[in-house]
């Protein structure tokens, strides 16, 4: 197998020039960089990122901490992160954080410290002051996705405002008996997304003079949870709402399936709106607030790359609100007379 010395000899340059040309760090003329790359390719030489890190101090590796990998939102964010990192020439080390404080401390105090990563992206996890300071002490940039974290740059949608917009859409159509089918508050993750969406719903109902008829039914943030909760909610014809604001699109999908099973027409007898912009929303004809989680992942990588490009000790601390877009489809209409 060819080594760096073989590439240097064939290209007529020094080994340090080969290292700079292939790592992209340090000045090398375009002609030399092109010649070295062609020689390396012809000899089958692949630069070692571990070796390069000894020279540049960078590993070309970003650590991502995330609570779930099998749920749509988190999978979409992760896909956006991975795509943007590959485009930038970076690898990804993934750490799934469960509801275990000991395991969480192990990830931050051991793996992210001892495993060589240039930066960290936290998705859906509110880092505490110790975790933020630990990474700052190591001069590692951090970006959060999903909510505000003091001391680091973050980005997310405004969950309360999004819920307010979704509920207001139903009210503008003429609905008065609107139920919020949302996530259970005693099992919500960091950033209290479920509580914020409930608050946005309640604010819209109160401002419309509908505070006395508002209702909240807790369930899991899954299609199965929405289906199960909607079956009970819609079982009594005399108590049925005319509209449901679902805390996420998957809850909305389950509610639509339950309604159809009970013979409740959507939207003729029941309007349904969700939050997410799930890839299957169009198939269900679901009106939803599209938040583009993959784009959020890409933007998080952009923030990380900007901080890596200008190393400093006083890391940026700014929150970026990601806009949502209302996609109106066939699942919402005015209530029947």
C-alpha atoms as a PDB file:
ATOM      1  CA  UNK A   1       0.000   0.000   0.000  1.00  0.00           C
ATOM      2  CA  UNK A   2       1.356   3.391  -1.004  1.00  0.00           C
ATOM      3  CA  UNK A   3       2.355   5.810   1.761  1.00  0.00           C
ATOM      4  CA  UNK A   4       2.733   9.557   1.957  1.00  0.00           C
ATOM      5  CA  UNK A   5       6.447   9.255   1.055  1.00  0.00           C
ATOM      6  CA  UNK A   6       5.527   7.466  -2.190  1.00  0.00           C
ATOM      7  CA  UNK A   7       3.063  10.198  -3.136  1.00  0.00           C
ATOM      8  CA  UNK A   8       5.629  12.911  -2.330  1.00  0.00           C
ATOM      9  CA  UNK A   9       8.289  11.228  -4.447  1.00  0.00           C
ATOM     10  CA  UNK A  10       5.988  10.655  -7.442  1.00  0.00           C
ATOM     11  CA  UNK A  11       4.626  14.220  -7.281  1.00  0.00           C
ATOM     12  CA  UNK A  12       8.063  15.772  -6.772  1.00  0.00           C
ATOM     13  CA  UNK A  13       7.116  17.568  -3.535  1.00  0.00           C
ATOM     14  CA  UNK A  14       7.803  17.215   0.178  1.00  0.00           C
ATOM     15  CA  UNK A  15       5.755  15.049   2.531  1.00  0.00           C
ATOM     16  CA  UNK A  16       4.520  18.159   4.353  1.00  0.00           C
ATOM     17  CA  UNK A  17       3.258  19.557   1.044  1.00  0.00           C
ATOM     18  CA  UNK A  18       1.353  16.326   0.395  1.00  0.00           C
ATOM     19  CA  UNK A  19      -0.169  16.561   3.868  1.00  0.00           C
ATOM     20  CA  UNK A  20      -1.268  20.169   3.323  1.00  0.00           C
ATOM     21  CA  UNK A  21      -2.599  19.465  -0.157  1.00  0.00           C
ATOM     22  CA  UNK A  22      -4.725  16.493   0.901  1.00  0.00           C
ATOM     23  CA  UNK A  23      -5.930  17.904   4.226  1.00  0.00           C
ATOM     24  CA  UNK A  24      -6.876  21.285   2.790  1.00  0.00           C
ATOM     25  CA  UNK A  25      -4.992  23.155   5.529  1.00  0.00           C
ATOM     26  CA  UNK A  26      -2.121  25.525   4.843  1.00  0.00           C
ATOM     27  CA  UNK A  27      -1.169  27.170   1.564  1.00  0.00           C
ATOM     28  CA  UNK A  28      -0.601  25.023  -1.511  1.00  0.00           C
ATOM     29  CA  UNK A  29      -0.952  26.288  -5.067  1.00  0.00           C
ATOM     30  CA  UNK A  30      -3.915  25.005  -7.063  1.00  0.00           C
ATOM     31  CA  UNK A  31      -1.625  23.275  -9.572  1.00  0.00           C
ATOM     32  CA  UNK A  32       0.310  21.500  -6.836  1.00  0.00           C
ATOM     33  CA  UNK A  33      -2.856  20.501  -5.003  1.00  0.00           C
ATOM     34  CA  UNK A  34      -4.306  19.085  -8.212  1.00  0.00           C
ATOM     35  CA  UNK A  35      -1.083  17.206  -9.061  1.00  0.00           C
ATOM     36  CA  UNK A  36      -0.806  15.704  -5.592  1.00  0.00           C
ATOM     37  CA  UNK A  37      -4.461  14.621  -5.644  1.00  0.00           C
ATOM     38  CA  UNK A  38      -4.022  12.930  -9.034  1.00  0.00           C
ATOM     39  CA  UNK A  39      -0.878  11.102  -7.905  1.00  0.00           C
ATOM     40  CA  UNK A  40      -2.508  10.011  -4.656  1.00  0.00           C
ATOM     41  CA  UNK A  41      -5.514   8.679  -6.567  1.00  0.00           C
ATOM     42  CA  UNK A  42      -3.331   6.796  -9.036  1.00  0.00           C
ATOM     43  CA  UNK A  43      -1.383   5.173  -6.175  1.00  0.00           C
ATOM     44  CA  UNK A  44      -4.486   4.386  -4.149  1.00  0.00           C
ATOM     45  CA  UNK A  45      -3.345   6.545  -1.219  1.00  0.00           C
ATOM     46  CA  UNK A  46      -5.968   7.799   1.248  1.00  0.00           C
ATOM     47  CA  UNK A  47      -4.964  10.409   3.797  1.00  0.00           C
ATOM     48  CA  UNK A  48      -5.432   9.392   7.428  1.00  0.00           C
ATOM     49  CA  UNK A  49      -7.611  11.819   9.341  1.00  0.00           C
ATOM     50  CA  UNK A  50      -5.977  10.626  12.573  1.00  0.00           C
ATOM     51  CA  UNK A  51      -2.549  11.513  11.254  1.00  0.00           C
ATOM     52  CA  UNK A  52      -3.767  14.827   9.891  1.00  0.00           C
ATOM     53  CA  UNK A  53      -5.281  15.704  13.251  1.00  0.00           C
ATOM     54  CA  UNK A  54      -1.843  15.539  14.864  1.00  0.00           C
ATOM     55  CA  UNK A  55      -0.716  18.319  12.529  1.00  0.00           C
ATOM     56  CA  UNK A  56      -3.860  20.448  12.271  1.00  0.00           C
ATOM     57  CA  UNK A  57      -5.363  19.835  15.700  1.00  0.00           C
ATOM     58  CA  UNK A  58      -8.660  18.947  13.994  1.00  0.00           C
ATOM     59  CA  UNK A  59     -10.189  15.494  13.643  1.00  0.00           C
ATOM     60  CA  UNK A  60     -12.762  16.372  10.970  1.00  0.00           C
ATOM     61  CA  UNK A  61     -15.300  14.691  13.233  1.00  0.00           C
ATOM     62  CA  UNK A  62     -18.402  16.166  14.905  1.00  0.00           C
ATOM     63  CA  UNK A  63     -20.183  14.513  17.829  1.00  0.00           C
ATOM     64  CA  UNK A  64     -24.001  14.459  17.733  1.00  0.00           C
ATOM     65  CA  UNK A  65     -26.016  13.728  20.889  1.00  0.00           C
ATOM     66  CA  UNK A  66     -29.663  12.814  20.347  1.00  0.00           C
ATOM     67  CA  UNK A  67     -32.419  11.099  22.397  1.00  0.00           C
ATOM     68  CA  UNK A  68     -33.985   9.084  19.549  1.00  0.00           C
ATOM     69  CA  UNK A  69     -32.888   7.824  16.142  1.00  0.00           C
ATOM     70  CA  UNK A  70     -36.129   6.008  15.230  1.00  0.00           C
ATOM     71  CA  UNK A  71     -38.577   8.929  15.434  1.00  0.00           C
ATOM     72  CA  UNK A  72     -39.355  10.989  12.370  1.00  0.00           C
ATOM     73  CA  UNK A  73     -38.315  14.453  13.574  1.00  0.00           C
ATOM     74  CA  UNK A  74     -34.999  13.299  15.018  1.00  0.00           C
ATOM     75  CA  UNK A  75     -34.248  11.095  12.028  1.00  0.00           C
ATOM     76  CA  UNK A  76     -34.861  14.018   9.675  1.00  0.00           C
ATOM     77  CA  UNK A  77     -32.621  16.371  11.682  1.00  0.00           C
ATOM     78  CA  UNK A  78     -29.918  13.709  11.759  1.00  0.00           C
ATOM     79  CA  UNK A  79     -30.169  13.192   8.006  1.00  0.00           C
ATOM     80  CA  UNK A  80     -29.713  16.932   7.449  1.00  0.00           C
ATOM     81  CA  UNK A  81     -26.702  16.993   9.763  1.00  0.00           C
ATOM     82  CA  UNK A  82     -25.085  13.985   8.111  1.00  0.00           C
ATOM     83  CA  UNK A  83     -25.606  15.368   4.604  1.00  0.00           C
ATOM     84  CA  UNK A  84     -24.114  18.762   5.479  1.00  0.00           C
ATOM     85  CA  UNK A  85     -21.162  17.233   7.328  1.00  0.00           C
ATOM     86  CA  UNK A  86     -20.332  14.963   4.397  1.00  0.00           C
ATOM     87  CA  UNK A  87     -20.473  17.964   2.081  1.00  0.00           C
ATOM     88  CA  UNK A  88     -18.003  19.734   4.389  1.00  0.00           C
ATOM     89  CA  UNK A  89     -15.702  16.710   4.527  1.00  0.00           C
ATOM     90  CA  UNK A  90     -16.500  15.791   8.141  1.00  0.00           C
ATOM     91  CA  UNK A  91     -17.336  12.506   9.848  1.00  0.00           C
ATOM     92  CA  UNK A  92     -20.054  12.044  12.474  1.00  0.00           C
ATOM     93  CA  UNK A  93     -19.972  10.267  15.831  1.00  0.00           C
ATOM     94  CA  UNK A  94     -23.472   9.572  17.156  1.00  0.00           C
ATOM     95  CA  UNK A  95     -24.388   9.310  20.841  1.00  0.00           C
ATOM     96  CA  UNK A  96     -27.934   8.422  21.871  1.00  0.00           C
ATOM     97  CA  UNK A  97     -28.808   9.805  25.315  1.00  0.00           C
ATOM     98  CA  UNK A  98     -31.431   7.861  27.251  1.00  0.00           C
ATOM     99  CA  UNK A  99     -33.220   8.871  30.439  1.00  0.00           C
ATOM    100  CA  UNK A 100     -30.275   7.797  32.578  1.00  0.00           C
ATOM    101  CA  UNK A 101     -28.230  10.443  34.384  1.00  0.00           C
ATOM    102  CA  UNK A 102     -25.264   8.109  34.863  1.00  0.00           C
ATOM    103  CA  UNK A 103     -25.128   7.296  31.154  1.00  0.00           C
ATOM    104  CA  UNK A 104     -25.514  10.967  30.293  1.00  0.00           C
ATOM    105  CA  UNK A 105     -22.577  11.943  32.508  1.00  0.00           C
ATOM    106  CA  UNK A 106     -20.521   9.171  30.930  1.00  0.00           C
ATOM    107  CA  UNK A 107     -21.178  10.540  27.445  1.00  0.00           C
ATOM    108  CA  UNK A 108     -20.215  14.118  28.337  1.00  0.00           C
ATOM    109  CA  UNK A 109     -17.465  13.495  30.897  1.00  0.00           C
ATOM    110  CA  UNK A 110     -15.824  10.615  29.069  1.00  0.00           C
ATOM    111  CA  UNK A 111     -16.715  10.018  25.438  1.00  0.00           C
ATOM    112  CA  UNK A 112     -17.008  13.618  24.208  1.00  0.00           C
ATOM    113  CA  UNK A 113     -13.852  14.539  26.132  1.00  0.00           C
ATOM    114  CA  UNK A 114     -11.642  11.569  25.334  1.00  0.00           C
ATOM    115  CA  UNK A 115     -12.946  10.738  21.889  1.00  0.00           C
ATOM    116  CA  UNK A 116     -11.521  13.293  19.504  1.00  0.00           C
ATOM    117  CA  UNK A 117     -14.301  15.469  18.101  1.00  0.00           C
ATOM    118  CA  UNK A 118     -13.987  19.030  16.842  1.00  0.00           C
ATOM    119  CA  UNK A 119     -17.490  20.124  17.860  1.00  0.00           C
ATOM    120  CA  UNK A 120     -20.809  18.926  19.264  1.00  0.00           C
ATOM    121  CA  UNK A 121     -24.403  19.244  18.040  1.00  0.00           C
ATOM    122  CA  UNK A 122     -27.130  18.527  20.607  1.00  0.00           C
ATOM    123  CA  UNK A 123     -30.543  17.636  19.134  1.00  0.00           C
ATOM    124  CA  UNK A 124     -33.602  17.863  21.368  1.00  0.00           C
ATOM    125  CA  UNK A 125     -31.468  17.902  24.523  1.00  0.00           C
ATOM    126  CA  UNK A 126     -31.190  20.864  26.884  1.00  0.00           C
ATOM    127  CA  UNK A 127     -27.555  20.800  27.953  1.00  0.00           C
ATOM    128  CA  UNK A 128     -26.959  21.868  31.549  1.00  0.00           C
ATOM    129  CA  UNK A 129     -24.414  24.470  32.654  1.00  0.00           C
ATOM    130  CA  UNK A 130     -21.801  21.833  33.562  1.00  0.00           C
ATOM    131  CA  UNK A 131     -22.009  20.180  30.137  1.00  0.00           C
ATOM    132  CA  UNK A 132     -21.774  23.508  28.325  1.00  0.00           C
ATOM    133  CA  UNK A 133     -18.821  24.659  30.413  1.00  0.00           C
ATOM    134  CA  UNK A 134     -17.028  21.321  29.991  1.00  0.00           C
ATOM    135  CA  UNK A 135     -17.108  21.624  26.206  1.00  0.00           C
ATOM    136  CA  UNK A 136     -16.235  25.318  26.305  1.00  0.00           C
ATOM    137  CA  UNK A 137     -13.192  24.523  28.465  1.00  0.00           C
ATOM    138  CA  UNK A 138     -12.033  22.144  25.731  1.00  0.00           C
ATOM    139  CA  UNK A 139     -12.563  24.882  23.108  1.00  0.00           C
ATOM    140  CA  UNK A 140     -15.163  22.766  21.312  1.00  0.00           C
ATOM    141  CA  UNK A 141     -17.994  24.692  19.597  1.00  0.00           C
ATOM    142  CA  UNK A 142     -21.513  23.520  20.474  1.00  0.00           C
ATOM    143  CA  UNK A 143     -24.823  24.115  18.704  1.00  0.00           C
ATOM    144  CA  UNK A 144     -28.258  23.060  19.949  1.00  0.00           C
ATOM    145  CA  UNK A 145     -31.339  22.148  17.909  1.00  0.00           C
ATOM    146  CA  UNK A 146     -34.815  22.190  19.447  1.00  0.00           C
ATOM    147  CA  UNK A 147     -34.779  25.018  21.967  1.00  0.00           C
ATOM    148  CA  UNK A 148     -32.751  27.718  23.686  1.00  0.00           C
ATOM    149  CA  UNK A 149     -29.685  26.809  25.776  1.00  0.00           C
ATOM    150  CA  UNK A 150     -27.824  29.480  27.684  1.00  0.00           C
ATOM    151  CA  UNK A 151     -24.234  29.909  26.565  1.00  0.00           C
ATOM    152  CA  UNK A 152     -24.428  28.367  23.076  1.00  0.00           C
ATOM    153  CA  UNK A 153     -25.982  29.047  19.687  1.00  0.00           C
ATOM    154  CA  UNK A 154     -29.307  27.297  19.161  1.00  0.00           C
ATOM    155  CA  UNK A 155     -32.126  27.084  16.646  1.00  0.00           C
ATOM    156  CA  UNK A 156     -35.720  25.865  16.770  1.00  0.00           C
ATOM    157  CA  UNK A 157     -39.245  26.724  15.771  1.00  0.00           C
ATOM    158  CA  UNK A 158     -41.392  28.769  18.158  1.00  0.00           C
ATOM    159  CA  UNK A 159     -43.564  25.938  19.482  1.00  0.00           C
ATOM    160  CA  UNK A 160     -46.071  28.145  21.287  1.00  0.00           C
ATOM    161  CA  UNK A 161     -46.513  30.461  18.305  1.00  0.00           C
ATOM    162  CA  UNK A 162     -46.864  27.455  15.973  1.00  0.00           C
ATOM    163  CA  UNK A 163     -49.621  25.941  18.120  1.00  0.00           C
ATOM    164  CA  UNK A 164     -51.323  29.323  18.273  1.00  0.00           C
ATOM    165  CA  UNK A 165     -51.229  29.568  14.459  1.00  0.00           C
ATOM    166  CA  UNK A 166     -52.623  26.038  13.993  1.00  0.00           C
ATOM    167  CA  UNK A 167     -55.477  26.651  16.428  1.00  0.00           C
ATOM    168  CA  UNK A 168     -56.236  30.062  14.941  1.00  0.00           C
ATOM    169  CA  UNK A 169     -56.504  28.434  11.512  1.00  0.00           C
ATOM    170  CA  UNK A 170     -59.267  26.163  12.824  1.00  0.00           C
ATOM    171  CA  UNK A 171     -61.012  29.054  14.568  1.00  0.00           C
ATOM    172  CA  UNK A 172     -60.888  31.141  11.368  1.00  0.00           C
ATOM    173  CA  UNK A 173     -62.756  28.344   9.590  1.00  0.00           C
ATOM    174  CA  UNK A 174     -65.566  28.671  12.104  1.00  0.00           C
ATOM    175  CA  UNK A 175     -64.751  25.855  14.529  1.00  0.00           C
ATOM    176  CA  UNK A 176     -65.600  26.322  18.194  1.00  0.00           C
ATOM    177  CA  UNK A 177     -65.358  22.810  19.659  1.00  0.00           C
ATOM    178  CA  UNK A 178     -61.639  22.259  19.148  1.00  0.00           C
ATOM    179  CA  UNK A 179     -59.690  19.644  21.128  1.00  0.00           C
ATOM    180  CA  UNK A 180     -55.905  19.581  21.470  1.00  0.00           C
ATOM    181  CA  UNK A 181     -54.663  16.015  21.105  1.00  0.00           C
ATOM    182  CA  UNK A 182     -51.166  16.571  22.476  1.00  0.00           C
ATOM    183  CA  UNK A 183     -48.255  14.870  24.138  1.00  0.00           C
ATOM    184  CA  UNK A 184     -48.439  13.779  27.766  1.00  0.00           C
ATOM    185  CA  UNK A 185     -46.815  16.479  29.919  1.00  0.00           C
ATOM    186  CA  UNK A 186     -45.406  14.061  32.486  1.00  0.00           C
ATOM    187  CA  UNK A 187     -43.309  12.334  29.835  1.00  0.00           C
ATOM    188  CA  UNK A 188     -42.104  15.272  27.775  1.00  0.00           C
ATOM    189  CA  UNK A 189     -38.466  15.644  26.870  1.00  0.00           C
ATOM    190  CA  UNK A 190     -36.227  18.650  27.193  1.00  0.00           C
ATOM    191  CA  UNK A 191     -37.400  22.118  26.091  1.00  0.00           C
ATOM    192  CA  UNK A 192     -41.008  21.333  27.193  1.00  0.00           C
ATOM    193  CA  UNK A 193     -42.193  21.270  23.575  1.00  0.00           C
ATOM    194  CA  UNK A 194     -45.499  19.622  24.533  1.00  0.00           C
ATOM    195  CA  UNK A 195     -46.287  22.202  27.222  1.00  0.00           C
ATOM    196  CA  UNK A 196     -45.490  25.064  24.850  1.00  0.00           C
ATOM    197  CA  UNK A 197     -47.808  23.699  22.172  1.00  0.00           C
ATOM    198  CA  UNK A 198     -50.565  23.272  24.749  1.00  0.00           C
ATOM    199  CA  UNK A 199     -50.030  26.868  25.884  1.00  0.00           C
ATOM    200  CA  UNK A 200     -50.264  28.153  22.304  1.00  0.00           C
ATOM    201  CA  UNK A 201     -53.549  26.289  21.837  1.00  0.00           C
ATOM    202  CA  UNK A 202     -54.968  27.643  25.097  1.00  0.00           C
ATOM    203  CA  UNK A 203     -53.947  31.205  24.271  1.00  0.00           C
ATOM    204  CA  UNK A 204     -55.670  31.073  20.873  1.00  0.00           C
ATOM    205  CA  UNK A 205     -58.848  29.620  22.374  1.00  0.00           C
ATOM    206  CA  UNK A 206     -58.926  32.161  25.199  1.00  0.00           C
ATOM    207  CA  UNK A 207     -58.376  35.125  22.897  1.00  0.00           C
ATOM    208  CA  UNK A 208     -61.249  33.882  20.706  1.00  0.00           C
ATOM    209  CA  UNK A 209     -63.560  33.726  23.752  1.00  0.00           C
ATOM    210  CA  UNK A 210     -63.537  29.913  23.675  1.00  0.00           C
ATOM    211  CA  UNK A 211     -61.726  29.298  26.935  1.00  0.00           C
ATOM    212  CA  UNK A 212     -64.741  27.585  28.467  1.00  0.00           C
ATOM    213  CA  UNK A 213     -64.959  24.945  25.721  1.00  0.00           C
ATOM    214  CA  UNK A 214     -61.275  24.182  25.261  1.00  0.00           C
ATOM    215  CA  UNK A 215     -60.096  20.634  25.916  1.00  0.00           C
ATOM    216  CA  UNK A 216     -56.814  18.741  26.073  1.00  0.00           C
ATOM    217  CA  UNK A 217     -56.346  14.991  25.682  1.00  0.00           C
ATOM    218  CA  UNK A 218     -52.819  13.678  26.433  1.00  0.00           C
ATOM    219  CA  UNK A 219     -51.278  10.851  24.435  1.00  0.00           C
ATOM    220  CA  UNK A 220     -47.959   9.631  23.076  1.00  0.00           C
ATOM    221  CA  UNK A 221     -46.246  11.463  20.194  1.00  0.00           C
ATOM    222  CA  UNK A 222     -46.888   8.497  17.882  1.00  0.00           C
ATOM    223  CA  UNK A 223     -49.447   7.370  15.322  1.00  0.00           C
ATOM    224  CA  UNK A 224     -50.576   4.625  17.702  1.00  0.00           C
ATOM    225  CA  UNK A 225     -51.048   7.200  20.463  1.00  0.00           C
ATOM    226  CA  UNK A 226     -53.163   9.432  18.240  1.00  0.00           C
ATOM    227  CA  UNK A 227     -55.259   6.498  17.046  1.00  0.00           C
ATOM    228  CA  UNK A 228     -55.948   5.201  20.548  1.00  0.00           C
ATOM    229  CA  UNK A 229     -56.783   8.629  22.009  1.00  0.00           C
ATOM    230  CA  UNK A 230     -59.011   9.590  19.062  1.00  0.00           C
ATOM    231  CA  UNK A 231     -61.003   6.360  19.292  1.00  0.00           C
ATOM    232  CA  UNK A 232     -62.061   7.300  22.813  1.00  0.00           C
ATOM    233  CA  UNK A 233     -62.529  10.989  22.025  1.00  0.00           C
ATOM    234  CA  UNK A 234     -64.779  10.377  19.006  1.00  0.00           C
ATOM    235  CA  UNK A 235     -66.739   7.407  20.348  1.00  0.00           C
ATOM    236  CA  UNK A 236     -69.632   9.498  21.732  1.00  0.00           C
ATOM    237  CA  UNK A 237     -71.421  11.397  18.910  1.00  0.00           C
ATOM    238  CA  UNK A 238     -72.861  13.897  21.381  1.00  0.00           C
ATOM    239  CA  UNK A 239     -69.449  14.900  22.725  1.00  0.00           C
ATOM    240  CA  UNK A 240     -67.429  14.935  19.522  1.00  0.00           C
ATOM    241  CA  UNK A 241     -65.395  18.038  18.680  1.00  0.00           C
ATOM    242  CA  UNK A 242     -65.611  19.464  15.195  1.00  0.00           C
ATOM    243  CA  UNK A 243     -61.824  19.879  14.989  1.00  0.00           C
ATOM    244  CA  UNK A 244     -58.608  18.453  16.429  1.00  0.00           C
ATOM    245  CA  UNK A 245     -55.295  20.241  16.756  1.00  0.00           C
ATOM    246  CA  UNK A 246     -52.743  17.411  16.999  1.00  0.00           C
ATOM    247  CA  UNK A 247     -49.432  18.023  18.755  1.00  0.00           C
ATOM    248  CA  UNK A 248     -47.567  16.404  15.856  1.00  0.00           C
ATOM    249  CA  UNK A 249     -48.354  14.949  12.451  1.00  0.00           C
ATOM    250  CA  UNK A 250     -48.093  11.346  13.611  1.00  0.00           C
ATOM    251  CA  UNK A 251     -50.788  11.956  16.244  1.00  0.00           C
ATOM    252  CA  UNK A 252     -52.868  13.525  13.468  1.00  0.00           C
ATOM    253  CA  UNK A 253     -52.404  10.459  11.229  1.00  0.00           C
ATOM    254  CA  UNK A 254     -53.661   8.201  14.018  1.00  0.00           C
ATOM    255  CA  UNK A 255     -56.655  10.475  14.634  1.00  0.00           C
ATOM    256  CA  UNK A 256     -57.619  10.432  10.944  1.00  0.00           C
ATOM    257  CA  UNK A 257     -57.436   6.622  10.845  1.00  0.00           C
ATOM    258  CA  UNK A 258     -59.567   6.370  14.007  1.00  0.00           C
ATOM    259  CA  UNK A 259     -62.146   8.809  12.589  1.00  0.00           C
ATOM    260  CA  UNK A 260     -62.477   6.843   9.381  1.00  0.00           C
ATOM    261  CA  UNK A 261     -62.868   3.608  11.337  1.00  0.00           C
ATOM    262  CA  UNK A 262     -65.725   5.168  13.324  1.00  0.00           C
ATOM    263  CA  UNK A 263     -67.367   6.529  10.195  1.00  0.00           C
ATOM    264  CA  UNK A 264     -66.551  10.142  11.059  1.00  0.00           C
ATOM    265  CA  UNK A 265     -65.806  11.976   7.828  1.00  0.00           C
ATOM    266  CA  UNK A 266     -62.602  14.016   7.557  1.00  0.00           C
ATOM    267  CA  UNK A 267     -63.077  16.926   6.976  1.00  0.00           C
ATOM    268  CA  UNK A 268     -66.888  16.855   6.538  1.00  0.00           C
ATOM    269  CA  UNK A 269     -67.504  16.037  10.216  1.00  0.00           C
ATOM    270  CA  UNK A 270     -64.047  16.543  11.696  1.00  0.00           C
ATOM    271  CA  UNK A 271     -61.147  18.802  10.731  1.00  0.00           C
ATOM    272  CA  UNK A 272     -57.603  17.783  11.725  1.00  0.00           C
ATOM    273  CA  UNK A 273     -54.392  19.834  11.722  1.00  0.00           C
ATOM    274  CA  UNK A 274     -50.893  18.839  12.825  1.00  0.00           C
ATOM    275  CA  UNK A 275     -47.379  20.185  13.274  1.00  0.00           C
ATOM    276  CA  UNK A 276     -44.270  18.909  11.448  1.00  0.00           C
ATOM    277  CA  UNK A 277     -44.597  18.676   7.697  1.00  0.00           C
ATOM    278  CA  UNK A 278     -44.133  14.893   7.830  1.00  0.00           C
ATOM    279  CA  UNK A 279     -43.245  13.206   4.550  1.00  0.00           C
ATOM    280  CA  UNK A 280     -46.599  11.350   4.636  1.00  0.00           C
ATOM    281  CA  UNK A 281     -48.708  14.446   5.318  1.00  0.00           C
ATOM    282  CA  UNK A 282     -49.640  14.851   1.658  1.00  0.00           C
ATOM    283  CA  UNK A 283     -50.703  11.194   1.438  1.00  0.00           C
ATOM    284  CA  UNK A 284     -53.118  11.735   4.358  1.00  0.00           C
ATOM    285  CA  UNK A 285     -54.242  15.087   2.924  1.00  0.00           C
ATOM    286  CA  UNK A 286     -53.175  16.588   6.257  1.00  0.00           C
ATOM    287  CA  UNK A 287     -53.109  20.318   6.866  1.00  0.00           C
ATOM    288  CA  UNK A 288     -49.931  20.923   8.829  1.00  0.00           C
ATOM    289  CA  UNK A 289     -47.304  23.436   9.883  1.00  0.00           C
ATOM    290  CA  UNK A 290     -44.133  22.487   8.020  1.00  0.00           C
ATOM    291  CA  UNK A 291     -40.961  22.950  10.087  1.00  0.00           C
ATOM    292  CA  UNK A 292     -38.350  21.263   7.813  1.00  0.00           C
ATOM    293  CA  UNK A 293     -36.225  19.431  10.406  1.00  0.00           C
ATOM    294  CA  UNK A 294     -33.627  18.334   7.831  1.00  0.00           C
ATOM    295  CA  UNK A 295     -33.001  21.989   7.035  1.00  0.00           C
ATOM    296  CA  UNK A 296     -32.594  22.642  10.759  1.00  0.00           C
ATOM    297  CA  UNK A 297     -29.864  19.993  10.819  1.00  0.00           C
ATOM    298  CA  UNK A 298     -28.123  21.584   7.862  1.00  0.00           C
ATOM    299  CA  UNK A 299     -28.270  25.025   9.473  1.00  0.00           C
ATOM    300  CA  UNK A 300     -26.820  23.603  12.697  1.00  0.00           C
ATOM    301  CA  UNK A 301     -23.836  22.320  10.738  1.00  0.00           C
ATOM    302  CA  UNK A 302     -23.480  25.746   9.119  1.00  0.00           C
ATOM    303  CA  UNK A 303     -23.264  27.354  12.559  1.00  0.00           C
ATOM    304  CA  UNK A 304     -20.661  24.785  13.644  1.00  0.00           C
ATOM    305  CA  UNK A 305     -18.569  25.328  10.524  1.00  0.00           C
ATOM    306  CA  UNK A 306     -18.645  29.099  11.068  1.00  0.00           C
ATOM    307  CA  UNK A 307     -17.367  28.686  14.626  1.00  0.00           C
ATOM    308  CA  UNK A 308     -14.673  26.206  13.551  1.00  0.00           C
ATOM    309  CA  UNK A 309     -13.514  28.647  10.867  1.00  0.00           C
ATOM    310  CA  UNK A 310     -12.866  31.360  13.481  1.00  0.00           C
ATOM    311  CA  UNK A 311     -11.617  29.576  16.631  1.00  0.00           C
ATOM    312  CA  UNK A 312     -12.105  31.599  19.796  1.00  0.00           C
ATOM    313  CA  UNK A 313     -12.801  31.176  23.494  1.00  0.00           C
ATOM    314  CA  UNK A 314     -15.929  33.333  23.659  1.00  0.00           C
ATOM    315  CA  UNK A 315     -18.331  31.115  21.742  1.00  0.00           C
ATOM    316  CA  UNK A 316     -21.413  32.610  20.158  1.00  0.00           C
ATOM    317  CA  UNK A 317     -24.668  32.528  22.120  1.00  0.00           C
ATOM    318  CA  UNK A 318     -27.586  33.371  19.873  1.00  0.00           C
ATOM    319  CA  UNK A 319     -30.960  31.761  19.270  1.00  0.00           C
ATOM    320  CA  UNK A 320     -32.307  31.487  15.729  1.00  0.00           C
ATOM    321  CA  UNK A 321     -36.041  30.975  15.266  1.00  0.00           C
ATOM    322  CA  UNK A 322     -36.885  28.761  12.288  1.00  0.00           C
ATOM    323  CA  UNK A 323     -40.043  29.814  10.458  1.00  0.00           C
ATOM    324  CA  UNK A 324     -42.895  27.359   9.905  1.00  0.00           C
ATOM    325  CA  UNK A 325     -45.178  27.330   6.876  1.00  0.00           C
ATOM    326  CA  UNK A 326     -48.882  26.475   6.888  1.00  0.00           C
ATOM    327  CA  UNK A 327     -49.653  23.802   4.289  1.00  0.00           C
ATOM    328  CA  UNK A 328     -53.431  23.729   3.875  1.00  0.00           C
ATOM    329  CA  UNK A 329     -54.755  20.431   2.518  1.00  0.00           C
ATOM    330  CA  UNK A 330     -58.043  18.524   2.546  1.00  0.00           C
ATOM    331  CA  UNK A 331     -58.163  17.602   6.250  1.00  0.00           C
ATOM    332  CA  UNK A 332     -59.510  21.017   7.315  1.00  0.00           C
ATOM    333  CA  UNK A 333     -62.621  22.899   6.275  1.00  0.00           C
ATOM    334  CA  UNK A 334     -65.490  24.836   7.809  1.00  0.00           C
ATOM    335  CA  UNK A 335     -67.706  22.857  10.215  1.00  0.00           C
ATOM    336  CA  UNK A 336     -70.983  21.463   8.959  1.00  0.00           C
ATOM    337  CA  UNK A 337     -73.979  23.707   9.547  1.00  0.00           C
END
